[in-house]
Each structure stands twice: as structure tokens, then as C-alpha cells.
Amino acid sequence: MGTVPAFPHGMPLTRADLEAMPDDGHRYELVDGTLIMSPSPRPLHQRIVARLVIALTMNCPAHLEVLPAPVDVVLADNTVLIPDVVVGRRSDFTTSHLAGIPELAIEVLSPSTRLVDLELKRARLQEAGCPNYWLIDPELPELRCLALRGGVYSQVLTAIGDEIIEVSAPFTVSLSPGQLVAPYGR
């Protein structure tokens, strides 16, 4: 575990500053030059992410790739996000990050990230033109699928509990929030 580098006081941070952060088990993101830190995710969060990656990968067309966090999504020099799951064009992935707008970004809400996911990340991805943004609330459980309509995210599908929905964008996949959160063996 390294020490946190000293940053200039009052100055917006850049992607280079973010790359200097230590690998200490936290997720560091950059939004408009402001550093945001998230603690390590909990087992329920990771169960949902793992099941999403499996379901999406099984249906993913060859020109796209599904990856779990941490994968940097570079929207600008001062905005680097790390969605819980990201789907991007294979050609846009570099050896270190996604250098392009994702086709889909997914966030699993948790008490420590809820506001950032619902407001800040949503706004930045919308502004960047990410066509699909999904939010999963493990507490209900609920899956909300948002899509860009006229440059603004609109909720196009919602599933609660064991309800199964078929999502058609960025590709067709059937999902149930109840199945995403259920303990293994259910």
C-alpha cells in the first residue's frame, strides 16, 4: 500500500493525478477534476456484478465486450468513471482503459455510492452520450434501465423482485433483479 500523493490545493485534478493514486483497495474516480473515493464493495454487490457479467457476456455480440469494475472509463481529462459493469466496443478498449463512450454502464447502488450513482455519474454519462445506463437497487431488489432519448435519460424498463424483463439495448438479454441478488443455490 502506497502513500497518497500530495495534490495542489484548490486545483482540479486530472487523469494523470488519478493514475498516481495508490492501489489500496479503494476505487478512485474523477468527476470534473474532483476526486471521489469508494470503499471496497460488499459480497452482495459483487454477487450482483458477477451475475450481470455472466448474463451479459452470454448474449454479447462480438463487436462489444462486457467487463466488471475496475475499468476506467475516460470521458474527459478531468472525468474518469468506474462503473460496476461496463459494456464498450472492443475497438475502444486500450491496455489501460475504455477510450470512448460506453454502450452501457451499470451501477449497483449501495449506501456509500447511492447519491454519486444516481446523480453525479448519471449526469456525466448522459452528458457524454452513453446510450444506456442501468441502476440496480439490491434492497428492493429493482433493476431500472435508462436510455438516452433526446439527450436525456428516460426510464424505459423496470423490474422489481422476481419479475423478468427482456432488455433489447445494447443487445437482447433477459434479467430478473431477484435472481441477481439471491444467494447461490436458489
N, C-alpha and C. Protein backbone atom coordinates (compact mmCIF):
# COMPACT_ATOMS: atom_id res chain seq x y z
N MET A 1 0.84 -1.16 0.00
CA MET A 1 0.00 0.00 0.00
C MET A 1 0.89 1.23 0.00
N GLY A 2 0.67 2.12 -0.97
CA GLY A 2 1.48 3.32 -1.07
C GLY A 2 0.84 4.47 -0.33
N THR A 3 1.55 5.56 -0.31
CA THR A 3 1.00 6.75 0.32
C THR A 3 0.28 7.57 -0.73
N VAL A 4 -0.70 8.33 -0.28
CA VAL A 4 -1.46 9.17 -1.19
C VAL A 4 -0.58 10.35 -1.60
N PRO A 5 -0.45 10.57 -2.91
CA PRO A 5 0.40 11.67 -3.36
C PRO A 5 -0.19 13.02 -2.95
N ALA A 6 0.67 14.01 -2.81
CA ALA A 6 0.22 15.36 -2.48
C ALA A 6 -0.25 16.03 -3.76
N PHE A 7 -1.46 16.59 -3.71
CA PHE A 7 -2.02 17.27 -4.86
C PHE A 7 -2.05 18.77 -4.57
N PRO A 8 -1.97 19.58 -5.60
CA PRO A 8 -2.03 21.03 -5.40
C PRO A 8 -3.38 21.43 -4.81
N HIS A 9 -3.37 22.18 -3.73
CA HIS A 9 -4.58 22.59 -3.03
C HIS A 9 -5.43 23.51 -3.91
N GLY A 10 -6.72 23.17 -4.03
CA GLY A 10 -7.65 24.02 -4.75
C GLY A 10 -7.60 23.89 -6.26
N MET A 11 -6.73 23.03 -6.79
CA MET A 11 -6.60 22.85 -8.24
C MET A 11 -7.39 21.61 -8.67
N PRO A 12 -8.09 21.68 -9.80
CA PRO A 12 -8.77 20.49 -10.29
C PRO A 12 -7.74 19.41 -10.64
N LEU A 13 -8.11 18.16 -10.38
CA LEU A 13 -7.21 17.05 -10.68
C LEU A 13 -7.44 16.59 -12.11
N THR A 14 -6.45 15.86 -12.63
CA THR A 14 -6.51 15.33 -13.99
C THR A 14 -6.33 13.82 -13.96
N ARG A 15 -6.47 13.22 -15.12
CA ARG A 15 -6.28 11.78 -15.25
C ARG A 15 -4.88 11.37 -14.78
N ALA A 16 -3.88 12.19 -15.04
CA ALA A 16 -2.50 11.87 -14.60
C ALA A 16 -2.43 11.81 -13.07
N ASP A 17 -3.13 12.71 -12.38
CA ASP A 17 -3.16 12.66 -10.92
C ASP A 17 -3.84 11.38 -10.45
N LEU A 18 -4.92 11.00 -11.12
CA LEU A 18 -5.65 9.79 -10.76
C LEU A 18 -4.76 8.55 -10.92
N GLU A 19 -3.98 8.52 -11.98
CA GLU A 19 -3.10 7.38 -12.23
C GLU A 19 -2.00 7.28 -11.17
N ALA A 20 -1.72 8.37 -10.46
CA ALA A 20 -0.70 8.36 -9.40
C ALA A 20 -1.24 7.85 -8.06
N MET A 21 -2.55 7.61 -7.99
CA MET A 21 -3.15 7.14 -6.73
C MET A 21 -2.65 5.73 -6.41
N PRO A 22 -2.51 5.42 -5.12
CA PRO A 22 -2.02 4.09 -4.73
C PRO A 22 -3.07 3.01 -4.96
N ASP A 23 -2.62 1.79 -5.11
CA ASP A 23 -3.52 0.64 -5.21
C ASP A 23 -3.76 0.17 -3.79
N ASP A 24 -4.78 0.76 -3.13
CA ASP A 24 -5.01 0.49 -1.72
C ASP A 24 -6.36 -0.18 -1.44
N GLY A 25 -6.99 -0.75 -2.47
CA GLY A 25 -8.26 -1.42 -2.28
C GLY A 25 -9.47 -0.52 -2.44
N HIS A 26 -9.25 0.78 -2.61
CA HIS A 26 -10.36 1.70 -2.83
C HIS A 26 -10.46 2.00 -4.32
N ARG A 27 -11.63 2.44 -4.72
CA ARG A 27 -11.83 2.87 -6.10
C ARG A 27 -11.79 4.39 -6.12
N TYR A 28 -10.91 4.93 -6.93
CA TYR A 28 -10.81 6.37 -7.08
C TYR A 28 -11.33 6.76 -8.45
N GLU A 29 -12.27 7.70 -8.47
CA GLU A 29 -12.82 8.21 -9.71
C GLU A 29 -12.63 9.72 -9.72
N LEU A 30 -12.76 10.29 -10.90
CA LEU A 30 -12.55 11.72 -11.06
C LEU A 30 -13.75 12.29 -11.79
N VAL A 31 -14.41 13.27 -11.18
CA VAL A 31 -15.56 13.91 -11.81
C VAL A 31 -15.32 15.41 -11.81
N ASP A 32 -15.17 15.97 -12.99
CA ASP A 32 -14.91 17.40 -13.15
C ASP A 32 -13.73 17.86 -12.30
N GLY A 33 -12.68 17.04 -12.23
CA GLY A 33 -11.47 17.40 -11.50
C GLY A 33 -11.53 17.15 -10.01
N THR A 34 -12.65 16.57 -9.51
CA THR A 34 -12.79 16.27 -8.08
C THR A 34 -12.64 14.77 -7.86
N LEU A 35 -11.82 14.40 -6.89
CA LEU A 35 -11.56 13.00 -6.58
C LEU A 35 -12.70 12.44 -5.73
N ILE A 36 -13.20 11.27 -6.14
CA ILE A 36 -14.23 10.55 -5.39
C ILE A 36 -13.68 9.18 -5.05
N MET A 37 -13.78 8.81 -3.78
CA MET A 37 -13.27 7.51 -3.32
C MET A 37 -14.44 6.66 -2.86
N SER A 38 -14.44 5.39 -3.28
CA SER A 38 -15.44 4.43 -2.84
C SER A 38 -14.74 3.29 -2.13
N PRO A 39 -15.34 2.80 -1.02
CA PRO A 39 -14.74 1.66 -0.33
C PRO A 39 -14.91 0.39 -1.14
N SER A 40 -14.23 -0.66 -0.74
CA SER A 40 -14.36 -1.95 -1.41
C SER A 40 -15.81 -2.42 -1.32
N PRO A 41 -16.33 -3.01 -2.40
CA PRO A 41 -17.72 -3.45 -2.40
C PRO A 41 -17.94 -4.67 -1.50
N ARG A 42 -19.18 -4.84 -1.07
CA ARG A 42 -19.59 -5.95 -0.20
C ARG A 42 -19.94 -7.18 -1.03
N PRO A 43 -20.04 -8.36 -0.39
CA PRO A 43 -20.35 -9.59 -1.14
C PRO A 43 -21.64 -9.53 -1.96
N LEU A 44 -22.73 -8.96 -1.43
CA LEU A 44 -23.97 -8.88 -2.21
C LEU A 44 -23.75 -8.07 -3.48
N HIS A 45 -23.07 -6.97 -3.37
CA HIS A 45 -22.74 -6.13 -4.52
C HIS A 45 -21.98 -6.93 -5.56
N GLN A 46 -20.98 -7.68 -5.12
CA GLN A 46 -20.16 -8.45 -6.04
C GLN A 46 -20.92 -9.63 -6.65
N ARG A 47 -21.86 -10.21 -5.89
CA ARG A 47 -22.70 -11.28 -6.43
C ARG A 47 -23.50 -10.73 -7.62
N ILE A 48 -24.10 -9.56 -7.43
CA ILE A 48 -24.88 -8.95 -8.50
C ILE A 48 -24.00 -8.66 -9.72
N VAL A 49 -22.84 -8.08 -9.48
CA VAL A 49 -21.92 -7.77 -10.58
C VAL A 49 -21.52 -9.05 -11.33
N ALA A 50 -21.18 -10.10 -10.59
CA ALA A 50 -20.77 -11.36 -11.23
C ALA A 50 -21.89 -11.93 -12.09
N ARG A 51 -23.11 -11.94 -11.56
CA ARG A 51 -24.23 -12.49 -12.32
C ARG A 51 -24.57 -11.63 -13.54
N LEU A 52 -24.43 -10.32 -13.41
CA LEU A 52 -24.65 -9.45 -14.56
C LEU A 52 -23.62 -9.73 -15.66
N VAL A 53 -22.37 -9.85 -15.26
CA VAL A 53 -21.31 -10.10 -16.24
C VAL A 53 -21.57 -11.42 -16.96
N ILE A 54 -21.97 -12.45 -16.25
CA ILE A 54 -22.26 -13.75 -16.87
C ILE A 54 -23.43 -13.62 -17.84
N ALA A 55 -24.54 -13.05 -17.39
CA ALA A 55 -25.74 -12.93 -18.24
C ALA A 55 -25.46 -12.09 -19.48
N LEU A 56 -24.78 -10.96 -19.28
CA LEU A 56 -24.49 -10.09 -20.42
C LEU A 56 -23.50 -10.71 -21.38
N THR A 57 -22.46 -11.34 -20.86
CA THR A 57 -21.43 -11.95 -21.73
C THR A 57 -22.02 -13.05 -22.59
N MET A 58 -22.96 -13.81 -22.04
CA MET A 58 -23.58 -14.90 -22.81
C MET A 58 -24.36 -14.38 -24.01
N ASN A 59 -24.79 -13.15 -23.98
CA ASN A 59 -25.61 -12.57 -25.04
C ASN A 59 -24.90 -11.48 -25.84
N CYS A 60 -23.69 -11.16 -25.47
CA CYS A 60 -22.96 -10.02 -26.04
C CYS A 60 -22.49 -10.31 -27.47
N PRO A 61 -22.78 -9.40 -28.40
CA PRO A 61 -22.27 -9.58 -29.77
C PRO A 61 -20.75 -9.40 -29.81
N ALA A 62 -20.13 -9.93 -30.84
CA ALA A 62 -18.67 -9.98 -30.94
C ALA A 62 -18.00 -8.61 -30.95
N HIS A 63 -18.67 -7.57 -31.42
CA HIS A 63 -18.03 -6.26 -31.51
C HIS A 63 -18.02 -5.51 -30.17
N LEU A 64 -18.71 -6.06 -29.16
CA LEU A 64 -18.76 -5.45 -27.83
C LEU A 64 -18.08 -6.34 -26.82
N GLU A 65 -17.72 -5.76 -25.67
CA GLU A 65 -17.12 -6.52 -24.57
C GLU A 65 -17.73 -6.06 -23.26
N VAL A 66 -17.98 -7.02 -22.36
CA VAL A 66 -18.55 -6.77 -21.04
C VAL A 66 -17.43 -6.96 -20.02
N LEU A 67 -17.20 -5.95 -19.18
CA LEU A 67 -16.16 -6.06 -18.15
C LEU A 67 -16.67 -5.53 -16.81
N PRO A 68 -16.27 -6.20 -15.71
CA PRO A 68 -16.60 -5.69 -14.38
C PRO A 68 -15.58 -4.65 -13.93
N ALA A 69 -15.96 -3.87 -12.93
CA ALA A 69 -15.02 -2.91 -12.34
C ALA A 69 -13.85 -3.66 -11.72
N PRO A 70 -12.71 -3.04 -11.66
CA PRO A 70 -12.43 -1.67 -12.04
C PRO A 70 -11.89 -1.55 -13.46
N VAL A 71 -12.62 -0.83 -14.29
CA VAL A 71 -12.17 -0.44 -15.62
C VAL A 71 -12.42 1.07 -15.73
N ASP A 72 -11.38 1.82 -15.97
CA ASP A 72 -11.52 3.26 -16.12
C ASP A 72 -12.25 3.58 -17.42
N VAL A 73 -13.26 4.44 -17.31
CA VAL A 73 -13.97 4.96 -18.47
C VAL A 73 -13.61 6.44 -18.54
N VAL A 74 -12.77 6.78 -19.52
CA VAL A 74 -12.25 8.14 -19.63
C VAL A 74 -13.21 8.96 -20.49
N LEU A 75 -13.96 9.84 -19.82
CA LEU A 75 -14.90 10.71 -20.53
C LEU A 75 -14.26 12.04 -20.90
N ALA A 76 -13.28 12.47 -20.11
CA ALA A 76 -12.53 13.70 -20.36
C ALA A 76 -11.27 13.64 -19.50
N ASP A 77 -10.34 14.57 -19.70
CA ASP A 77 -9.12 14.56 -18.91
C ASP A 77 -9.41 14.75 -17.43
N ASN A 78 -10.55 15.37 -17.11
CA ASN A 78 -10.88 15.61 -15.71
C ASN A 78 -12.04 14.75 -15.22
N THR A 79 -12.48 13.77 -16.03
CA THR A 79 -13.59 12.89 -15.64
C THR A 79 -13.30 11.46 -16.06
N VAL A 80 -13.02 10.63 -15.05
CA VAL A 80 -12.75 9.21 -15.25
C VAL A 80 -13.65 8.44 -14.29
N LEU A 81 -14.59 7.68 -14.83
CA LEU A 81 -15.53 6.93 -14.02
C LEU A 81 -15.19 5.45 -14.03
N ILE A 82 -15.67 4.74 -13.00
CA ILE A 82 -15.50 3.29 -12.93
C ILE A 82 -16.87 2.68 -12.65
N PRO A 83 -17.65 2.39 -13.71
CA PRO A 83 -18.94 1.73 -13.49
C PRO A 83 -18.72 0.32 -12.92
N ASP A 84 -19.73 -0.19 -12.23
CA ASP A 84 -19.63 -1.55 -11.69
C ASP A 84 -19.51 -2.58 -12.82
N VAL A 85 -20.23 -2.34 -13.90
CA VAL A 85 -20.12 -3.15 -15.12
C VAL A 85 -20.16 -2.18 -16.29
N VAL A 86 -19.30 -2.41 -17.26
CA VAL A 86 -19.27 -1.56 -18.45
C VAL A 86 -19.29 -2.43 -19.70
N VAL A 87 -20.06 -1.98 -20.69
CA VAL A 87 -20.08 -2.62 -22.00
C VAL A 87 -19.60 -1.57 -22.99
N GLY A 88 -18.55 -1.92 -23.72
CA GLY A 88 -17.99 -1.00 -24.70
C GLY A 88 -17.63 -1.71 -25.97
N ARG A 89 -17.38 -0.93 -26.99
CA ARG A 89 -16.91 -1.51 -28.25
C ARG A 89 -15.48 -2.03 -28.04
N ARG A 90 -15.24 -3.23 -28.50
CA ARG A 90 -13.90 -3.84 -28.35
C ARG A 90 -12.82 -2.91 -28.86
N SER A 91 -13.09 -2.22 -29.94
CA SER A 91 -12.09 -1.33 -30.54
C SER A 91 -11.78 -0.11 -29.68
N ASP A 92 -12.64 0.20 -28.70
CA ASP A 92 -12.42 1.37 -27.84
C ASP A 92 -11.63 1.05 -26.57
N PHE A 93 -11.42 -0.24 -26.29
CA PHE A 93 -10.63 -0.60 -25.11
C PHE A 93 -9.15 -0.53 -25.43
N THR A 94 -8.39 0.16 -24.58
CA THR A 94 -6.94 0.19 -24.71
C THR A 94 -6.39 -0.78 -23.67
N THR A 95 -5.08 -0.81 -23.49
CA THR A 95 -4.49 -1.67 -22.47
C THR A 95 -4.77 -1.16 -21.06
N SER A 96 -5.21 0.10 -20.93
CA SER A 96 -5.43 0.65 -19.60
C SER A 96 -6.83 1.16 -19.31
N HIS A 97 -7.68 1.38 -20.35
CA HIS A 97 -8.98 1.98 -20.08
C HIS A 97 -9.91 1.87 -21.29
N LEU A 98 -11.15 2.31 -21.10
CA LEU A 98 -12.08 2.44 -22.22
C LEU A 98 -11.96 3.86 -22.73
N ALA A 99 -11.49 4.01 -23.95
CA ALA A 99 -11.27 5.33 -24.55
C ALA A 99 -12.40 5.62 -25.51
N GLY A 100 -13.55 5.78 -24.98
CA GLY A 100 -14.73 6.04 -25.79
C GLY A 100 -15.95 5.97 -24.90
N ILE A 101 -17.06 6.32 -25.45
CA ILE A 101 -18.30 6.31 -24.69
C ILE A 101 -18.78 4.87 -24.57
N PRO A 102 -19.11 4.41 -23.36
CA PRO A 102 -19.64 3.05 -23.23
C PRO A 102 -20.98 2.91 -23.94
N GLU A 103 -21.30 1.71 -24.34
CA GLU A 103 -22.63 1.41 -24.86
C GLU A 103 -23.61 1.23 -23.71
N LEU A 104 -23.07 0.78 -22.56
CA LEU A 104 -23.88 0.56 -21.36
C LEU A 104 -22.98 0.69 -20.14
N ALA A 105 -23.46 1.42 -19.15
CA ALA A 105 -22.81 1.49 -17.84
C ALA A 105 -23.84 1.05 -16.81
N ILE A 106 -23.41 0.21 -15.87
CA ILE A 106 -24.32 -0.31 -14.85
C ILE A 106 -23.74 0.00 -13.48
N GLU A 107 -24.60 0.48 -12.58
CA GLU A 107 -24.21 0.72 -11.19
C GLU A 107 -25.12 -0.06 -10.26
N VAL A 108 -24.51 -0.71 -9.28
CA VAL A 108 -25.23 -1.38 -8.20
C VAL A 108 -25.21 -0.41 -7.03
N LEU A 109 -26.38 0.04 -6.63
CA LEU A 109 -26.47 1.05 -5.58
C LEU A 109 -26.09 0.48 -4.22
N SER A 110 -25.36 1.27 -3.46
CA SER A 110 -25.03 0.92 -2.07
C SER A 110 -25.12 2.21 -1.27
N PRO A 111 -25.23 2.10 0.05
CA PRO A 111 -25.36 3.33 0.85
C PRO A 111 -24.24 4.33 0.61
N SER A 112 -23.02 3.85 0.40
CA SER A 112 -21.88 4.76 0.26
C SER A 112 -21.77 5.38 -1.13
N THR A 113 -22.43 4.79 -2.15
CA THR A 113 -22.29 5.31 -3.51
C THR A 113 -23.61 5.77 -4.12
N ARG A 114 -24.70 5.59 -3.41
CA ARG A 114 -26.05 5.84 -3.95
C ARG A 114 -26.19 7.22 -4.61
N LEU A 115 -25.85 8.27 -3.91
CA LEU A 115 -26.03 9.62 -4.43
C LEU A 115 -25.13 9.88 -5.64
N VAL A 116 -23.89 9.41 -5.57
CA VAL A 116 -22.96 9.57 -6.70
C VAL A 116 -23.49 8.85 -7.93
N ASP A 117 -24.00 7.62 -7.74
CA ASP A 117 -24.51 6.84 -8.87
C ASP A 117 -25.79 7.44 -9.45
N LEU A 118 -26.70 7.86 -8.57
CA LEU A 118 -27.99 8.38 -9.01
C LEU A 118 -27.91 9.77 -9.64
N GLU A 119 -26.97 10.57 -9.17
CA GLU A 119 -26.91 11.95 -9.64
C GLU A 119 -25.67 12.25 -10.48
N LEU A 120 -24.51 12.15 -9.86
CA LEU A 120 -23.27 12.60 -10.50
C LEU A 120 -22.88 11.75 -11.71
N LYS A 121 -22.77 10.43 -11.51
CA LYS A 121 -22.38 9.57 -12.64
C LYS A 121 -23.44 9.59 -13.73
N ARG A 122 -24.68 9.54 -13.32
CA ARG A 122 -25.78 9.59 -14.28
C ARG A 122 -25.66 10.85 -15.15
N ALA A 123 -25.44 11.99 -14.53
CA ALA A 123 -25.34 13.25 -15.28
C ALA A 123 -24.15 13.25 -16.22
N ARG A 124 -23.00 12.75 -15.77
CA ARG A 124 -21.81 12.76 -16.63
C ARG A 124 -21.95 11.79 -17.80
N LEU A 125 -22.53 10.62 -17.54
CA LEU A 125 -22.72 9.66 -18.63
C LEU A 125 -23.76 10.16 -19.63
N GLN A 126 -24.80 10.80 -19.13
CA GLN A 126 -25.81 11.39 -20.00
C GLN A 126 -25.18 12.47 -20.88
N GLU A 127 -24.41 13.34 -20.26
CA GLU A 127 -23.73 14.43 -20.97
C GLU A 127 -22.76 13.89 -22.03
N ALA A 128 -22.10 12.78 -21.72
CA ALA A 128 -21.14 12.19 -22.64
C ALA A 128 -21.81 11.46 -23.80
N GLY A 129 -23.09 11.10 -23.62
CA GLY A 129 -23.81 10.41 -24.68
C GLY A 129 -23.85 8.91 -24.55
N CYS A 130 -23.62 8.37 -23.33
CA CYS A 130 -23.72 6.92 -23.11
C CYS A 130 -25.19 6.53 -23.33
N PRO A 131 -25.48 5.67 -24.31
CA PRO A 131 -26.87 5.41 -24.67
C PRO A 131 -27.69 4.65 -23.63
N ASN A 132 -27.03 3.88 -22.75
CA ASN A 132 -27.76 3.05 -21.79
C ASN A 132 -27.10 3.11 -20.42
N TYR A 133 -27.93 3.32 -19.39
CA TYR A 133 -27.45 3.38 -18.01
C TYR A 133 -28.44 2.61 -17.16
N TRP A 134 -27.95 1.58 -16.47
CA TRP A 134 -28.81 0.76 -15.64
C TRP A 134 -28.43 0.95 -14.18
N LEU A 135 -29.45 0.92 -13.33
CA LEU A 135 -29.27 1.03 -11.88
C LEU A 135 -29.93 -0.16 -11.22
N ILE A 136 -29.20 -0.80 -10.32
CA ILE A 136 -29.74 -1.93 -9.58
C ILE A 136 -29.74 -1.58 -8.10
N ASP A 137 -30.91 -1.68 -7.50
CA ASP A 137 -31.06 -1.44 -6.06
C ASP A 137 -31.26 -2.80 -5.40
N PRO A 138 -30.23 -3.30 -4.71
CA PRO A 138 -30.31 -4.62 -4.10
C PRO A 138 -31.34 -4.72 -2.98
N GLU A 139 -31.68 -3.59 -2.37
CA GLU A 139 -32.60 -3.60 -1.23
C GLU A 139 -34.00 -4.01 -1.63
N LEU A 140 -34.47 -3.66 -2.83
CA LEU A 140 -35.87 -3.92 -3.19
C LEU A 140 -36.13 -5.36 -3.63
N PRO A 141 -35.42 -6.04 -4.43
CA PRO A 141 -34.45 -5.59 -5.44
C PRO A 141 -35.17 -5.03 -6.67
N GLU A 142 -34.48 -4.10 -7.33
CA GLU A 142 -35.04 -3.43 -8.50
C GLU A 142 -33.96 -3.20 -9.55
N LEU A 143 -34.35 -3.32 -10.80
CA LEU A 143 -33.49 -3.00 -11.94
C LEU A 143 -34.20 -1.92 -12.75
N ARG A 144 -33.53 -0.78 -12.92
CA ARG A 144 -34.06 0.32 -13.73
C ARG A 144 -33.15 0.50 -14.94
N CYS A 145 -33.73 0.44 -16.12
CA CYS A 145 -32.99 0.61 -17.36
C CYS A 145 -33.32 1.98 -17.94
N LEU A 146 -32.31 2.82 -18.04
CA LEU A 146 -32.46 4.15 -18.60
C LEU A 146 -31.82 4.17 -19.98
N ALA A 147 -32.42 4.94 -20.88
CA ALA A 147 -31.86 5.10 -22.23
C ALA A 147 -31.94 6.57 -22.61
N LEU A 148 -30.96 7.00 -23.41
CA LEU A 148 -30.96 8.38 -23.88
C LEU A 148 -32.09 8.59 -24.88
N ARG A 149 -32.89 9.59 -24.60
CA ARG A 149 -33.98 9.99 -25.51
C ARG A 149 -33.88 11.50 -25.61
N GLY A 150 -33.48 12.00 -26.78
CA GLY A 150 -33.32 13.44 -26.95
C GLY A 150 -32.26 14.02 -26.05
N GLY A 151 -31.20 13.25 -25.77
CA GLY A 151 -30.10 13.72 -24.95
C GLY A 151 -30.32 13.64 -23.46
N VAL A 152 -31.47 13.06 -23.04
CA VAL A 152 -31.80 12.95 -21.62
C VAL A 152 -32.16 11.50 -21.30
N TYR A 153 -31.71 11.01 -20.14
CA TYR A 153 -32.07 9.65 -19.75
C TYR A 153 -33.55 9.56 -19.40
N SER A 154 -34.19 8.56 -19.98
CA SER A 154 -35.58 8.22 -19.66
C SER A 154 -35.61 6.78 -19.21
N GLN A 155 -36.43 6.51 -18.22
CA GLN A 155 -36.57 5.13 -17.75
C GLN A 155 -37.41 4.37 -18.77
N VAL A 156 -36.83 3.31 -19.36
CA VAL A 156 -37.53 2.56 -20.40
C VAL A 156 -38.05 1.22 -19.90
N LEU A 157 -37.42 0.65 -18.89
CA LEU A 157 -37.86 -0.61 -18.32
C LEU A 157 -37.55 -0.63 -16.83
N THR A 158 -38.40 -1.32 -16.08
CA THR A 158 -38.17 -1.52 -14.65
C THR A 158 -38.65 -2.91 -14.29
N ALA A 159 -37.88 -3.56 -13.44
CA ALA A 159 -38.29 -4.85 -12.89
C ALA A 159 -38.06 -4.83 -11.39
N ILE A 160 -38.98 -5.41 -10.66
CA ILE A 160 -38.87 -5.49 -9.21
C ILE A 160 -39.03 -6.94 -8.79
N GLY A 161 -38.24 -7.36 -7.81
CA GLY A 161 -38.34 -8.71 -7.26
C GLY A 161 -38.02 -9.78 -8.29
N ASP A 162 -38.89 -10.77 -8.39
CA ASP A 162 -38.64 -11.90 -9.30
C ASP A 162 -39.17 -11.67 -10.71
N GLU A 163 -39.65 -10.47 -10.99
CA GLU A 163 -40.11 -10.13 -12.33
C GLU A 163 -38.94 -10.27 -13.31
N ILE A 164 -39.22 -10.82 -14.48
CA ILE A 164 -38.20 -10.98 -15.52
C ILE A 164 -38.52 -10.02 -16.65
N ILE A 165 -37.51 -9.26 -17.06
CA ILE A 165 -37.69 -8.35 -18.19
C ILE A 165 -36.71 -8.70 -19.30
N GLU A 166 -37.11 -8.40 -20.51
CA GLU A 166 -36.22 -8.57 -21.64
C GLU A 166 -35.78 -7.19 -22.11
N VAL A 167 -34.49 -6.95 -22.01
CA VAL A 167 -33.91 -5.68 -22.42
C VAL A 167 -33.39 -5.86 -23.84
N SER A 168 -33.60 -4.86 -24.69
CA SER A 168 -33.18 -5.01 -26.09
C SER A 168 -31.94 -4.19 -26.45
N ALA A 169 -31.52 -3.27 -25.59
CA ALA A 169 -30.36 -2.43 -25.92
C ALA A 169 -29.37 -2.42 -24.77
N PRO A 170 -28.09 -2.55 -25.03
CA PRO A 170 -27.45 -2.53 -26.34
C PRO A 170 -27.56 -3.85 -27.10
N PHE A 171 -28.08 -4.90 -26.46
CA PHE A 171 -28.38 -6.17 -27.10
C PHE A 171 -29.41 -6.87 -26.21
N THR A 172 -30.02 -7.90 -26.73
CA THR A 172 -31.11 -8.55 -26.01
C THR A 172 -30.60 -9.46 -24.90
N VAL A 173 -31.19 -9.29 -23.72
CA VAL A 173 -30.87 -10.12 -22.57
C VAL A 173 -32.07 -10.10 -21.62
N SER A 174 -32.35 -11.24 -21.00
CA SER A 174 -33.42 -11.33 -20.01
C SER A 174 -32.81 -11.31 -18.62
N LEU A 175 -33.37 -10.50 -17.73
CA LEU A 175 -32.83 -10.35 -16.39
C LEU A 175 -33.95 -10.27 -15.35
N SER A 176 -33.64 -10.70 -14.15
CA SER A 176 -34.55 -10.59 -13.01
C SER A 176 -33.74 -10.08 -11.82
N PRO A 177 -34.14 -8.95 -11.23
CA PRO A 177 -33.39 -8.46 -10.08
C PRO A 177 -33.36 -9.45 -8.93
N GLY A 178 -34.45 -10.20 -8.75
CA GLY A 178 -34.48 -11.20 -7.68
C GLY A 178 -33.43 -12.28 -7.87
N GLN A 179 -33.22 -12.69 -9.12
CA GLN A 179 -32.21 -13.71 -9.41
C GLN A 179 -30.81 -13.16 -9.27
N LEU A 180 -30.64 -11.85 -9.49
CA LEU A 180 -29.32 -11.24 -9.35
C LEU A 180 -28.87 -11.18 -7.89
N VAL A 181 -29.81 -11.01 -6.96
CA VAL A 181 -29.45 -10.86 -5.55
C VAL A 181 -29.54 -12.13 -4.74
N ALA A 182 -30.24 -13.14 -5.24
CA ALA A 182 -30.48 -14.37 -4.46
C ALA A 182 -29.17 -15.10 -4.14
N PRO A 183 -29.09 -15.67 -2.94
CA PRO A 183 -27.91 -16.49 -2.61
C PRO A 183 -27.77 -17.65 -3.59
N TYR A 184 -26.56 -18.09 -3.80
CA TYR A 184 -26.32 -19.21 -4.71
C TYR A 184 -27.10 -20.41 -4.25
N GLY A 185 -27.57 -21.21 -5.22
CA GLY A 185 -28.31 -22.40 -4.90
C GLY A 185 -29.81 -22.18 -4.91
N ARG A 186 -30.22 -20.93 -5.09
CA ARG A 186 -31.66 -20.65 -5.12
C ARG A 186 -32.22 -20.95 -6.47
